[in-house]
């Protein structure tokens, strides 16, 4: 039986809980959004954009990136 697109989507809270349970890493919504965008899952444009162009966002560390990717695969989002 195939999953519908709504059934295969996990919330940010579900992703954070699963990453914490599996790899004992705490991840932020920012890191999840960065990895989803990197994987081609762009849901909508951010409405809280920085007002200055030289604003620097923290980048997701590699170990957290791998953990988030594994969770996205688990939830069949990628």
Protein backbone atom coordinates (compact mmCIF):
# COMPACT_ATOMS: atom_id res chain seq x y z
CA UNK A 1 0.00 0.00 0.00
CA UNK A 2 1.42 3.41 -0.96
CA UNK A 3 1.53 6.31 1.44
CA UNK A 4 -0.11 9.58 0.52
CA UNK A 5 2.05 12.70 0.70
CA UNK A 6 0.25 13.81 3.87
CA UNK A 7 0.96 10.49 5.60
CA UNK A 8 4.66 10.59 4.78
CA UNK A 9 5.26 14.04 6.28
CA UNK A 10 6.66 14.26 9.78
CA UNK A 11 6.37 17.39 11.87
CA UNK A 12 9.44 19.24 13.06
CA UNK A 13 8.70 18.03 16.60
CA UNK A 14 8.52 14.40 15.44
CA UNK A 15 11.82 14.79 13.61
CA UNK A 16 13.48 16.39 16.65
CA UNK A 17 12.20 13.65 18.97
CA UNK A 18 13.35 10.87 16.66
CA UNK A 19 16.83 12.39 16.22
CA UNK A 20 17.15 12.75 19.99
CA UNK A 21 16.01 9.16 20.57
CA UNK A 22 18.22 7.63 17.87
CA UNK A 23 21.42 9.66 18.09
CA UNK A 24 21.07 11.65 21.32
CA UNK A 25 21.56 14.91 19.43
CA UNK A 26 19.37 17.96 19.85
CA UNK A 27 18.58 19.66 16.56
CA UNK A 28 16.87 22.98 15.91
CA UNK A 29 14.11 23.82 13.49
CA UNK A 30 16.68 25.86 11.55
CA UNK A 31 18.90 22.81 11.01
CA UNK A 32 15.93 20.68 9.94
CA UNK A 33 14.82 23.37 7.48
CA UNK A 34 18.35 23.66 6.05
CA UNK A 35 18.60 19.92 5.45
CA UNK A 36 15.09 19.69 4.00
CA UNK A 37 15.96 22.48 1.57
CA UNK A 38 19.26 20.78 0.72
CA UNK A 39 17.30 17.58 -0.07
CA UNK A 40 14.85 19.47 -2.29
CA UNK A 41 11.97 19.62 0.18
CA UNK A 42 11.07 23.32 0.01
CA UNK A 43 7.72 23.89 1.64
CA UNK A 44 7.47 27.66 1.57
CA UNK A 45 9.59 30.76 1.73
CA UNK A 46 10.66 32.02 5.12
CA UNK A 47 8.65 35.02 6.25
CA UNK A 48 11.23 36.01 8.90
CA UNK A 49 14.03 37.02 6.57
CA UNK A 50 16.94 39.04 7.87
CA UNK A 51 16.71 42.74 7.20
CA UNK A 52 20.41 43.05 6.41
CA UNK A 53 22.23 41.21 3.67
CA UNK A 54 25.31 40.44 5.76
CA UNK A 55 23.39 38.36 8.33
CA UNK A 56 25.03 34.97 8.83
CA UNK A 57 23.00 31.93 9.81
CA UNK A 58 24.65 29.09 11.70
CA UNK A 59 25.19 26.05 9.49
CA UNK A 60 24.15 22.56 10.49
CA UNK A 61 27.11 20.47 11.75
CA UNK A 62 27.85 17.33 9.69
CA UNK A 63 26.90 14.86 12.47
CA UNK A 64 23.51 16.51 12.92
CA UNK A 65 23.02 16.67 9.15
CA UNK A 66 23.52 12.90 8.85
CA UNK A 67 21.12 12.25 11.74
CA UNK A 68 18.42 14.45 10.17
CA UNK A 69 18.87 12.78 6.77
CA UNK A 70 18.41 9.36 8.37
CA UNK A 71 15.18 10.52 10.02
CA UNK A 72 13.89 11.98 6.76
CA UNK A 73 14.57 8.62 5.12
CA UNK A 74 12.82 6.82 8.00
CA UNK A 75 9.72 8.98 7.50
CA UNK A 76 9.98 8.43 3.71
CA UNK A 77 10.31 12.13 3.03
CA UNK A 78 13.39 11.54 0.84
